[in-house]
Amino acid sequence: LPAPLDRTLTEEEYRTVTDRAAELGFT
């Protein structure tokens, strides 16, 4: 698979998304 799909997700990447979900009000 081409980069970056040749690796798993990093903790920082996932936290960026979950933090934004909380900011948007998803509960």
mmCIF file of all heavy atoms, coordinates in Angstrom:
data_MODEL
# 
_entry.id   MODEL 
# 
loop_
_atom_site.group_PDB 
_atom_site.id 
_atom_site.type_symbol 
_atom_site.label_atom_id 
_atom_site.label_alt_id 
_atom_site.label_comp_id 
_atom_site.label_asym_id 
_atom_site.label_entity_id 
_atom_site.label_seq_id 
_atom_site.pdbx_PDB_ins_code 
_atom_site.Cartn_x 
_atom_site.Cartn_y 
_atom_site.Cartn_z 
_atom_site.occupancy 
_atom_site.B_iso_or_equiv 
_atom_site.pdbx_formal_charge 
_atom_site.auth_seq_id 
_atom_site.auth_comp_id 
_atom_site.auth_asym_id 
_atom_site.auth_atom_id 
_atom_site.pdbx_PDB_model_num 
ATOM 1   N N   . LEU A 1 1  ? 0.837   -1.194 0.000  1.00 0.00 ? 1  LEU A N   1 
ATOM 2   C CA  . LEU A 1 1  ? 0.000   0.000  0.000  1.00 0.00 ? 1  LEU A CA  1 
ATOM 3   C C   . LEU A 1 1  ? 0.878   1.251  0.000  1.00 0.00 ? 1  LEU A C   1 
ATOM 4   O O   . LEU A 1 1  ? 1.956   1.271  0.603  1.00 0.00 ? 1  LEU A O   1 
ATOM 5   C CB  . LEU A 1 1  ? -0.911  0.017  1.226  1.00 0.00 ? 1  LEU A CB  1 
ATOM 6   C CG  . LEU A 1 1  ? -2.030  -1.020 1.256  1.00 0.00 ? 1  LEU A CG  1 
ATOM 7   C CD1 . LEU A 1 1  ? -2.809  -0.921 2.549  1.00 0.00 ? 1  LEU A CD1 1 
ATOM 8   C CD2 . LEU A 1 1  ? -2.953  -0.850 0.058  1.00 0.00 ? 1  LEU A CD2 1 
ATOM 9   N N   . PRO A 1 2  ? 0.431   2.325  -0.648 1.00 0.00 ? 2  PRO A N   1 
ATOM 10  C CA  . PRO A 1 2  ? 1.234   3.548  -0.682 1.00 0.00 ? 2  PRO A CA  1 
ATOM 11  C C   . PRO A 1 2  ? 1.252   4.238  0.681  1.00 0.00 ? 2  PRO A C   1 
ATOM 12  O O   . PRO A 1 2  ? 0.294   4.126  1.459  1.00 0.00 ? 2  PRO A O   1 
ATOM 13  C CB  . PRO A 1 2  ? 0.508   4.408  -1.726 1.00 0.00 ? 2  PRO A CB  1 
ATOM 14  C CG  . PRO A 1 2  ? -0.922  3.947  -1.649 1.00 0.00 ? 2  PRO A CG  1 
ATOM 15  C CD  . PRO A 1 2  ? -0.845  2.473  -1.397 1.00 0.00 ? 2  PRO A CD  1 
ATOM 16  N N   . ALA A 1 3  ? 2.322   4.956  0.959  1.00 0.00 ? 3  ALA A N   1 
ATOM 17  C CA  . ALA A 1 3  ? 2.376   5.764  2.171  1.00 0.00 ? 3  ALA A CA  1 
ATOM 18  C C   . ALA A 1 3  ? 1.301   6.861  2.070  1.00 0.00 ? 3  ALA A C   1 
ATOM 19  O O   . ALA A 1 3  ? 1.030   7.365  0.966  1.00 0.00 ? 3  ALA A O   1 
ATOM 20  C CB  . ALA A 1 3  ? 3.758   6.378  2.325  1.00 0.00 ? 3  ALA A CB  1 
ATOM 21  N N   . PRO A 1 4  ? 0.662   7.201  3.186  1.00 0.00 ? 4  PRO A N   1 
ATOM 22  C CA  . PRO A 1 4  ? 0.872   6.738  4.559  1.00 0.00 ? 4  PRO A CA  1 
ATOM 23  C C   . PRO A 1 4  ? 0.008   5.539  4.950  1.00 0.00 ? 4  PRO A C   1 
ATOM 24  O O   . PRO A 1 4  ? -0.062  5.190  6.137  1.00 0.00 ? 4  PRO A O   1 
ATOM 25  C CB  . PRO A 1 4  ? 0.480   7.968  5.377  1.00 0.00 ? 4  PRO A CB  1 
ATOM 26  C CG  . PRO A 1 4  ? -0.625  8.595  4.574  1.00 0.00 ? 4  PRO A CG  1 
ATOM 27  C CD  . PRO A 1 4  ? -0.264  8.365  3.134  1.00 0.00 ? 4  PRO A CD  1 
ATOM 28  N N   . LEU A 1 5  ? -0.654  4.899  3.984  1.00 0.00 ? 5  LEU A N   1 
ATOM 29  C CA  . LEU A 1 5  ? -1.513  3.759  4.324  1.00 0.00 ? 5  LEU A CA  1 
ATOM 30  C C   . LEU A 1 5  ? -0.714  2.506  4.652  1.00 0.00 ? 5  LEU A C   1 
ATOM 31  O O   . LEU A 1 5  ? -1.299  1.482  5.013  1.00 0.00 ? 5  LEU A O   1 
ATOM 32  C CB  . LEU A 1 5  ? -2.479  3.458  3.173  1.00 0.00 ? 5  LEU A CB  1 
ATOM 33  C CG  . LEU A 1 5  ? -3.501  4.540  2.835  1.00 0.00 ? 5  LEU A CG  1 
ATOM 34  C CD1 . LEU A 1 5  ? -4.450  4.046  1.752  1.00 0.00 ? 5  LEU A CD1 1 
ATOM 35  C CD2 . LEU A 1 5  ? -4.292  4.978  4.065  1.00 0.00 ? 5  LEU A CD2 1 
ATOM 36  N N   . ASP A 1 6  ? 0.601   2.583  4.557  1.00 0.00 ? 6  ASP A N   1 
ATOM 37  C CA  . ASP A 1 6  ? 1.447   1.428  4.869  1.00 0.00 ? 6  ASP A CA  1 
ATOM 38  C C   . ASP A 1 6  ? 1.813   1.357  6.343  1.00 0.00 ? 6  ASP A C   1 
ATOM 39  O O   . ASP A 1 6  ? 2.685   0.579  6.733  1.00 0.00 ? 6  ASP A O   1 
ATOM 40  C CB  . ASP A 1 6  ? 2.712   1.460  4.004  1.00 0.00 ? 6  ASP A CB  1 
ATOM 41  C CG  . ASP A 1 6  ? 3.537   2.733  4.196  1.00 0.00 ? 6  ASP A CG  1 
ATOM 42  O OD1 . ASP A 1 6  ? 3.040   3.690  4.838  1.00 0.00 ? 6  ASP A OD1 1 
ATOM 43  O OD2 . ASP A 1 6  ? 4.677   2.789  3.695  1.00 0.00 ? 6  ASP A OD2 1 
ATOM 44  N N   . ARG A 1 7  ? 1.161   2.174  7.153  1.00 0.00 ? 7  ARG A N   1 
ATOM 45  C CA  . ARG A 1 7  ? 1.429   2.158  8.599  1.00 0.00 ? 7  ARG A CA  1 
ATOM 46  C C   . ARG A 1 7  ? 0.118   2.308  9.361  1.00 0.00 ? 7  ARG A C   1 
ATOM 47  O O   . ARG A 1 7  ? -0.924  2.600  8.773  1.00 0.00 ? 7  ARG A O   1 
ATOM 48  C CB  . ARG A 1 7  ? 2.384   3.294  8.984  1.00 0.00 ? 7  ARG A CB  1 
ATOM 49  C CG  . ARG A 1 7  ? 1.801   4.689  8.741  1.00 0.00 ? 7  ARG A CG  1 
ATOM 50  C CD  . ARG A 1 7  ? 2.703   5.773  9.327  1.00 0.00 ? 7  ARG A CD  1 
ATOM 51  N NE  . ARG A 1 7  ? 2.258   7.133  9.017  1.00 0.00 ? 7  ARG A NE  1 
ATOM 52  C CZ  . ARG A 1 7  ? 1.342   7.806  9.720  1.00 0.00 ? 7  ARG A CZ  1 
ATOM 53  N NH1 . ARG A 1 7  ? 0.739   7.232  10.765 1.00 0.00 ? 7  ARG A NH1 1 
ATOM 54  N NH2 . ARG A 1 7  ? 1.022   9.046  9.388  1.00 0.00 ? 7  ARG A NH2 1 
ATOM 55  N N   . THR A 1 8  ? 0.190   2.105  10.670 1.00 0.00 ? 8  THR A N   1 
ATOM 56  C CA  . THR A 1 8  ? -0.982  2.300  11.512 1.00 0.00 ? 8  THR A CA  1 
ATOM 57  C C   . THR A 1 8  ? -1.050  3.760  11.976 1.00 0.00 ? 8  THR A C   1 
ATOM 58  O O   . THR A 1 8  ? -0.152  4.558  11.733 1.00 0.00 ? 8  THR A O   1 
ATOM 59  C CB  . THR A 1 8  ? -0.940  1.369  12.729 1.00 0.00 ? 8  THR A CB  1 
ATOM 60  O OG1 . THR A 1 8  ? 0.287   1.570  13.444 1.00 0.00 ? 8  THR A OG1 1 
ATOM 61  C CG2 . THR A 1 8  ? -1.050  -0.090 12.307 1.00 0.00 ? 8  THR A CG2 1 
ATOM 62  N N   . LEU A 1 9  ? -2.116  4.064  12.647 1.00 0.00 ? 9  LEU A N   1 
ATOM 63  C CA  . LEU A 1 9  ? -2.377  5.412  13.140 1.00 0.00 ? 9  LEU A CA  1 
ATOM 64  C C   . LEU A 1 9  ? -1.502  5.707  14.360 1.00 0.00 ? 9  LEU A C   1 
ATOM 65  O O   . LEU A 1 9  ? -1.218  4.813  15.163 1.00 0.00 ? 9  LEU A O   1 
ATOM 66  C CB  . LEU A 1 9  ? -3.853  5.491  13.528 1.00 0.00 ? 9  LEU A CB  1 
ATOM 67  C CG  . LEU A 1 9  ? -4.541  6.834  13.701 1.00 0.00 ? 9  LEU A CG  1 
ATOM 68  C CD1 . LEU A 1 9  ? -4.583  7.588  12.381 1.00 0.00 ? 9  LEU A CD1 1 
ATOM 69  C CD2 . LEU A 1 9  ? -5.969  6.599  14.221 1.00 0.00 ? 9  LEU A CD2 1 
ATOM 70  N N   . THR A 1 10 ? -1.097  6.956  14.511 1.00 0.00 ? 10 THR A N   1 
ATOM 71  C CA  . THR A 1 10 ? -0.354  7.335  15.711 1.00 0.00 ? 10 THR A CA  1 
ATOM 72  C C   . THR A 1 10 ? -1.318  7.864  16.773 1.00 0.00 ? 10 THR A C   1 
ATOM 73  O O   . THR A 1 10 ? -2.437  8.299  16.478 1.00 0.00 ? 10 THR A O   1 
ATOM 74  C CB  . THR A 1 10 ? 0.682   8.426  15.412 1.00 0.00 ? 10 THR A CB  1 
ATOM 75  O OG1 . THR A 1 10 ? 0.001   9.649  15.082 1.00 0.00 ? 10 THR A OG1 1 
ATOM 76  C CG2 . THR A 1 10 ? 1.595   8.010  14.266 1.00 0.00 ? 10 THR A CG2 1 
ATOM 77  N N   . GLU A 1 11 ? -0.856  7.825  18.004 1.00 0.00 ? 11 GLU A N   1 
ATOM 78  C CA  . GLU A 1 11 ? -1.672  8.340  19.110 1.00 0.00 ? 11 GLU A CA  1 
ATOM 79  C C   . GLU A 1 11 ? -1.975  9.827  18.915 1.00 0.00 ? 11 GLU A C   1 
ATOM 80  O O   . GLU A 1 11 ? -3.092  10.283 19.173 1.00 0.00 ? 11 GLU A O   1 
ATOM 81  C CB  . GLU A 1 11 ? -0.942  8.130  20.438 1.00 0.00 ? 11 GLU A CB  1 
ATOM 82  C CG  . GLU A 1 11 ? -1.747  8.552  21.647 1.00 0.00 ? 11 GLU A CG  1 
ATOM 83  C CD  . GLU A 1 11 ? -1.052  8.217  22.953 1.00 0.00 ? 11 GLU A CD  1 
ATOM 84  O OE1 . GLU A 1 11 ? -0.020  7.505  22.913 1.00 0.00 ? 11 GLU A OE1 1 
ATOM 85  O OE2 . GLU A 1 11 ? -1.541  8.671  24.010 1.00 0.00 ? 11 GLU A OE2 1 
ATOM 86  N N   . GLU A 1 12 ? -1.009  10.591 18.426 1.00 0.00 ? 12 GLU A N   1 
ATOM 87  C CA  . GLU A 1 12 ? -1.216  12.023 18.207 1.00 0.00 ? 12 GLU A CA  1 
ATOM 88  C C   . GLU A 1 12 ? -2.281  12.272 17.141 1.00 0.00 ? 12 GLU A C   1 
ATOM 89  O O   . GLU A 1 12 ? -3.132  13.159 17.294 1.00 0.00 ? 12 GLU A O   1 
ATOM 90  C CB  . GLU A 1 12 ? 0.102   12.688 17.803 1.00 0.00 ? 12 GLU A CB  1 
ATOM 91  C CG  . GLU A 1 12 ? -0.020  14.193 17.564 1.00 0.00 ? 12 GLU A CG  1 
ATOM 92  C CD  . GLU A 1 12 ? 1.295   14.827 17.155 1.00 0.00 ? 12 GLU A CD  1 
ATOM 93  O OE1 . GLU A 1 12 ? 2.297   14.099 17.026 1.00 0.00 ? 12 GLU A OE1 1 
ATOM 94  O OE2 . GLU A 1 12 ? 1.315   16.063 16.953 1.00 0.00 ? 12 GLU A OE2 1 
ATOM 95  N N   . GLU A 1 13 ? -2.252  11.494 16.058 1.00 0.00 ? 13 GLU A N   1 
ATOM 96  C CA  . GLU A 1 13 ? -3.239  11.658 14.999 1.00 0.00 ? 13 GLU A CA  1 
ATOM 97  C C   . GLU A 1 13 ? -4.651  11.384 15.524 1.00 0.00 ? 13 GLU A C   1 
ATOM 98  O O   . GLU A 1 13 ? -5.584  12.159 15.267 1.00 0.00 ? 13 GLU A O   1 
ATOM 99  C CB  . GLU A 1 13 ? -2.923  10.718 13.836 1.00 0.00 ? 13 GLU A CB  1 
ATOM 100 C CG  . GLU A 1 13 ? -1.723  11.143 13.006 1.00 0.00 ? 13 GLU A CG  1 
ATOM 101 C CD  . GLU A 1 13 ? -1.320  10.100 11.984 1.00 0.00 ? 13 GLU A CD  1 
ATOM 102 O OE1 . GLU A 1 13 ? -1.476  8.882  12.271 1.00 0.00 ? 13 GLU A OE1 1 
ATOM 103 O OE2 . GLU A 1 13 ? -0.849  10.491 10.892 1.00 0.00 ? 13 GLU A OE2 1 
ATOM 104 N N   . TYR A 1 14 ? -4.797  10.310 16.259 1.00 0.00 ? 14 TYR A N   1 
ATOM 105 C CA  . TYR A 1 14 ? -6.124  9.951  16.753 1.00 0.00 ? 14 TYR A CA  1 
ATOM 106 C C   . TYR A 1 14 ? -6.620  10.971 17.776 1.00 0.00 ? 14 TYR A C   1 
ATOM 107 O O   . TYR A 1 14 ? -7.785  11.356 17.778 1.00 0.00 ? 14 TYR A O   1 
ATOM 108 C CB  . TYR A 1 14 ? -6.092  8.554  17.360 1.00 0.00 ? 14 TYR A CB  1 
ATOM 109 C CG  . TYR A 1 14 ? -7.464  7.990  17.648 1.00 0.00 ? 14 TYR A CG  1 
ATOM 110 C CD1 . TYR A 1 14 ? -8.465  7.994  16.674 1.00 0.00 ? 14 TYR A CD1 1 
ATOM 111 C CD2 . TYR A 1 14 ? -7.757  7.428  18.892 1.00 0.00 ? 14 TYR A CD2 1 
ATOM 112 C CE1 . TYR A 1 14 ? -9.715  7.457  16.930 1.00 0.00 ? 14 TYR A CE1 1 
ATOM 113 C CE2 . TYR A 1 14 ? -8.999  6.888  19.155 1.00 0.00 ? 14 TYR A CE2 1 
ATOM 114 C CZ  . TYR A 1 14 ? -9.981  6.909  18.170 1.00 0.00 ? 14 TYR A CZ  1 
ATOM 115 O OH  . TYR A 1 14 ? -11.221 6.379  18.441 1.00 0.00 ? 14 TYR A OH  1 
ATOM 116 N N   . ARG A 1 15 ? -5.710  11.446 18.628 1.00 0.00 ? 15 ARG A N   1 
ATOM 117 C CA  . ARG A 1 15 ? -6.107  12.444 19.630 1.00 0.00 ? 15 ARG A CA  1 
ATOM 118 C C   . ARG A 1 15 ? -6.558  13.738 18.958 1.00 0.00 ? 15 ARG A C   1 
ATOM 119 O O   . ARG A 1 15 ? -7.501  14.397 19.420 1.00 0.00 ? 15 ARG A O   1 
ATOM 120 C CB  . ARG A 1 15 ? -4.957  12.731 20.591 1.00 0.00 ? 15 ARG A CB  1 
ATOM 121 C CG  . ARG A 1 15 ? -5.383  13.647 21.769 1.00 0.00 ? 15 ARG A CG  1 
ATOM 122 C CD  . ARG A 1 15 ? -4.227  14.044 22.655 1.00 0.00 ? 15 ARG A CD  1 
ATOM 123 N NE  . ARG A 1 15 ? -3.524  12.881 23.158 1.00 0.00 ? 15 ARG A NE  1 
ATOM 124 C CZ  . ARG A 1 15 ? -2.258  12.583 22.850 1.00 0.00 ? 15 ARG A CZ  1 
ATOM 125 N NH1 . ARG A 1 15 ? -1.579  13.371 22.007 1.00 0.00 ? 15 ARG A NH1 1 
ATOM 126 N NH2 . ARG A 1 15 ? -1.685  11.520 23.359 1.00 0.00 ? 15 ARG A NH2 1 
ATOM 127 N N   . THR A 1 16 ? -5.918  14.116 17.867 1.00 0.00 ? 16 THR A N   1 
ATOM 128 C CA  . THR A 1 16 ? -6.334  15.315 17.132 1.00 0.00 ? 16 THR A CA  1 
ATOM 129 C C   . THR A 1 16 ? -7.799  15.218 16.728 1.00 0.00 ? 16 THR A C   1 
ATOM 130 O O   . THR A 1 16 ? -8.571  16.178 16.836 1.00 0.00 ? 16 THR A O   1 
ATOM 131 C CB  . THR A 1 16 ? -5.456  15.498 15.876 1.00 0.00 ? 16 THR A CB  1 
ATOM 132 O OG1 . THR A 1 16 ? -4.107  15.743 16.283 1.00 0.00 ? 16 THR A OG1 1 
ATOM 133 C CG2 . THR A 1 16 ? -5.936  16.664 15.027 1.00 0.00 ? 16 THR A CG2 1 
ATOM 134 N N   . VAL A 1 17 ? -8.199  14.042 16.278 1.00 0.00 ? 17 VAL A N   1 
ATOM 135 C CA  . VAL A 1 17 ? -9.574  13.843 15.807 1.00 0.00 ? 17 VAL A CA  1 
ATOM 136 C C   . VAL A 1 17 ? -10.540 13.749 16.979 1.00 0.00 ? 17 VAL A C   1 
ATOM 137 O O   . VAL A 1 17 ? -11.619 14.364 16.968 1.00 0.00 ? 17 VAL A O   1 
ATOM 138 C CB  . VAL A 1 17 ? -9.655  12.602 14.907 1.00 0.00 ? 17 VAL A CB  1 
ATOM 139 C CG1 . VAL A 1 17 ? -11.088 12.368 14.438 1.00 0.00 ? 17 VAL A CG1 1 
ATOM 140 C CG2 . VAL A 1 17 ? -8.731  12.762 13.699 1.00 0.00 ? 17 VAL A CG2 1 
ATOM 141 N N   . THR A 1 18 ? -10.202 12.992 18.012 1.00 0.00 ? 18 THR A N   1 
ATOM 142 C CA  . THR A 1 18 ? -11.121 12.856 19.147 1.00 0.00 ? 18 THR A CA  1 
ATOM 143 C C   . THR A 1 18 ? -11.278 14.190 19.887 1.00 0.00 ? 18 THR A C   1 
ATOM 144 O O   . THR A 1 18 ? -12.374 14.505 20.357 1.00 0.00 ? 18 THR A O   1 
ATOM 145 C CB  . THR A 1 18 ? -10.649 11.755 20.110 1.00 0.00 ? 18 THR A CB  1 
ATOM 146 O OG1 . THR A 1 18 ? -9.312  12.035 20.559 1.00 0.00 ? 18 THR A OG1 1 
ATOM 147 C CG2 . THR A 1 18 ? -10.666 10.401 19.426 1.00 0.00 ? 18 THR A CG2 1 
ATOM 148 N N   . ASP A 1 19 ? -10.210 14.964 19.973 1.00 0.00 ? 19 ASP A N   1 
ATOM 149 C CA  . ASP A 1 19 ? -10.316 16.280 20.613 1.00 0.00 ? 19 ASP A CA  1 
ATOM 150 C C   . ASP A 1 19 ? -11.259 17.192 19.831 1.00 0.00 ? 19 ASP A C   1 
ATOM 151 O O   . ASP A 1 19 ? -12.064 17.923 20.413 1.00 0.00 ? 19 ASP A O   1 
ATOM 152 C CB  . ASP A 1 19 ? -8.937  16.935 20.719 1.00 0.00 ? 19 ASP A CB  1 
ATOM 153 C CG  . ASP A 1 19 ? -8.061  16.336 21.806 1.00 0.00 ? 19 ASP A CG  1 
ATOM 154 O OD1 . ASP A 1 19 ? -8.574  15.502 22.584 1.00 0.00 ? 19 ASP A OD1 1 
ATOM 155 O OD2 . ASP A 1 19 ? -6.868  16.697 21.869 1.00 0.00 ? 19 ASP A OD2 1 
ATOM 156 N N   . ARG A 1 20 ? -11.185 17.130 18.501 1.00 0.00 ? 20 ARG A N   1 
ATOM 157 C CA  . ARG A 1 20 ? -12.060 17.966 17.681 1.00 0.00 ? 20 ARG A CA  1 
ATOM 158 C C   . ARG A 1 20 ? -13.511 17.521 17.822 1.00 0.00 ? 20 ARG A C   1 
ATOM 159 O O   . ARG A 1 20 ? -14.426 18.357 17.849 1.00 0.00 ? 20 ARG A O   1 
ATOM 160 C CB  . ARG A 1 20 ? -11.624 17.902 16.216 1.00 0.00 ? 20 ARG A CB  1 
ATOM 161 C CG  . ARG A 1 20 ? -12.451 18.794 15.282 1.00 0.00 ? 20 ARG A CG  1 
ATOM 162 C CD  . ARG A 1 20 ? -12.413 20.249 15.707 1.00 0.00 ? 20 ARG A CD  1 
ATOM 163 N NE  . ARG A 1 20 ? -13.133 21.106 14.775 1.00 0.00 ? 20 ARG A NE  1 
ATOM 164 C CZ  . ARG A 1 20 ? -13.748 22.224 15.127 1.00 0.00 ? 20 ARG A CZ  1 
ATOM 165 N NH1 . ARG A 1 20 ? -13.738 22.634 16.399 1.00 0.00 ? 20 ARG A NH1 1 
ATOM 166 N NH2 . ARG A 1 20 ? -14.367 22.964 14.223 1.00 0.00 ? 20 ARG A NH2 1 
ATOM 167 N N   . ALA A 1 21 ? -13.749 16.230 17.933 1.00 0.00 ? 21 ALA A N   1 
ATOM 168 C CA  . ALA A 1 21 ? -15.109 15.739 18.135 1.00 0.00 ? 21 ALA A CA  1 
ATOM 169 C C   . ALA A 1 21 ? -15.688 16.294 19.425 1.00 0.00 ? 21 ALA A C   1 
ATOM 170 O O   . ALA A 1 21 ? -16.859 16.711 19.477 1.00 0.00 ? 21 ALA A O   1 
ATOM 171 C CB  . ALA A 1 21 ? -15.121 14.212 18.152 1.00 0.00 ? 21 ALA A CB  1 
ATOM 172 N N   . ALA A 1 22 ? -14.881 16.316 20.468 1.00 0.00 ? 22 ALA A N   1 
ATOM 173 C CA  . ALA A 1 22 ? -15.347 16.877 21.744 1.00 0.00 ? 22 ALA A CA  1 
ATOM 174 C C   . ALA A 1 22 ? -15.628 18.367 21.609 1.00 0.00 ? 22 ALA A C   1 
ATOM 175 O O   . ALA A 1 22 ? -16.632 18.873 22.127 1.00 0.00 ? 22 ALA A O   1 
ATOM 176 C CB  . ALA A 1 22 ? -14.305 16.617 22.829 1.00 0.00 ? 22 ALA A CB  1 
ATOM 177 N N   . GLU A 1 23 ? -14.763 19.096 20.899 1.00 0.00 ? 23 GLU A N   1 
ATOM 178 C CA  . GLU A 1 23 ? -14.971 20.535 20.694 1.00 0.00 ? 23 GLU A CA  1 
ATOM 179 C C   . GLU A 1 23 ? -16.269 20.825 19.943 1.00 0.00 ? 23 GLU A C   1 
ATOM 180 O O   . GLU A 1 23 ? -16.947 21.824 20.212 1.00 0.00 ? 23 GLU A O   1 
ATOM 181 C CB  . GLU A 1 23 ? -13.789 21.125 19.910 1.00 0.00 ? 23 GLU A CB  1 
ATOM 182 C CG  . GLU A 1 23 ? -12.478 21.170 20.676 1.00 0.00 ? 23 GLU A CG  1 
ATOM 183 C CD  . GLU A 1 23 ? -11.323 21.563 19.767 1.00 0.00 ? 23 GLU A CD  1 
ATOM 184 O OE1 . GLU A 1 23 ? -11.558 21.820 18.564 1.00 0.00 ? 23 GLU A OE1 1 
ATOM 185 O OE2 . GLU A 1 23 ? -10.171 21.599 20.257 1.00 0.00 ? 23 GLU A OE2 1 
ATOM 186 N N   . LEU A 1 24 ? -16.626 19.940 19.022 1.00 0.00 ? 24 LEU A N   1 
ATOM 187 C CA  . LEU A 1 24 ? -17.835 20.127 18.219 1.00 0.00 ? 24 LEU A CA  1 
ATOM 188 C C   . LEU A 1 24 ? -19.105 19.730 18.973 1.00 0.00 ? 24 LEU A C   1 
ATOM 189 O O   . LEU A 1 24 ? -20.205 19.952 18.476 1.00 0.00 ? 24 LEU A O   1 
ATOM 190 C CB  . LEU A 1 24 ? -17.732 19.331 16.915 1.00 0.00 ? 24 LEU A CB  1 
ATOM 191 C CG  . LEU A 1 24 ? -16.721 19.866 15.895 1.00 0.00 ? 24 LEU A CG  1 
ATOM 192 C CD1 . LEU A 1 24 ? -16.502 18.848 14.774 1.00 0.00 ? 24 LEU A CD1 1 
ATOM 193 C CD2 . LEU A 1 24 ? -17.189 21.206 15.317 1.00 0.00 ? 24 LEU A CD2 1 
ATOM 194 N N   . GLY A 1 25 ? -18.943 19.124 20.141 1.00 0.00 ? 25 GLY A N   1 
ATOM 195 C CA  . GLY A 1 25 ? -20.102 18.810 20.969 1.00 0.00 ? 25 GLY A CA  1 
ATOM 196 C C   . GLY A 1 25 ? -20.605 17.393 20.886 1.00 0.00 ? 25 GLY A C   1 
ATOM 197 O O   . GLY A 1 25 ? -21.672 17.082 21.426 1.00 0.00 ? 25 GLY A O   1 
ATOM 198 N N   . PHE A 1 26 ? -19.858 16.498 20.233 1.00 0.00 ? 26 PHE A N   1 
ATOM 199 C CA  . PHE A 1 26 ? -20.299 15.105 20.174 1.00 0.00 ? 26 PHE A CA  1 
ATOM 200 C C   . PHE A 1 26 ? -20.150 14.461 21.555 1.00 0.00 ? 26 PHE A C   1 
ATOM 201 O O   . PHE A 1 26 ? -19.056 14.406 22.107 1.00 0.00 ? 26 PHE A O   1 
ATOM 202 C CB  . PHE A 1 26 ? -19.487 14.326 19.137 1.00 0.00 ? 26 PHE A CB  1 
ATOM 203 C CG  . PHE A 1 26 ? -19.806 14.707 17.721 1.00 0.00 ? 26 PHE A CG  1 
ATOM 204 C CD1 . PHE A 1 26 ? -18.978 15.572 17.016 1.00 0.00 ? 26 PHE A CD1 1 
ATOM 205 C CD2 . PHE A 1 26 ? -20.945 14.229 17.096 1.00 0.00 ? 26 PHE A CD2 1 
ATOM 206 C CE1 . PHE A 1 26 ? -19.270 15.942 15.710 1.00 0.00 ? 26 PHE A CE1 1 
ATOM 207 C CE2 . PHE A 1 26 ? -21.253 14.591 15.792 1.00 0.00 ? 26 PHE A CE2 1 
ATOM 208 C CZ  . PHE A 1 26 ? -20.422 15.450 15.099 1.00 0.00 ? 26 PHE A CZ  1 
ATOM 209 N N   . THR A 1 27 ? -21.255 14.013 22.092 1.00 0.00 ? 27 THR A N   1 
ATOM 210 C CA  . THR A 1 27 ? -21.248 13.440 23.438 1.00 0.00 ? 27 THR A CA  1 
ATOM 211 C C   . THR A 1 27 ? -21.676 11.982 23.468 1.00 0.00 ? 27 THR A C   1 
ATOM 212 O O   . THR A 1 27 ? -21.498 11.306 24.489 1.00 0.00 ? 27 THR A O   1 
ATOM 213 C CB  . THR A 1 27 ? -22.180 14.233 24.363 1.00 0.00 ? 27 THR A CB  1 
ATOM 214 O OG1 . THR A 1 27 ? -23.510 14.227 23.814 1.00 0.00 ? 27 THR A OG1 1 
ATOM 215 C CG2 . THR A 1 27 ? -21.701 15.670 24.531 1.00 0.00 ? 27 THR A CG2 1 
# 
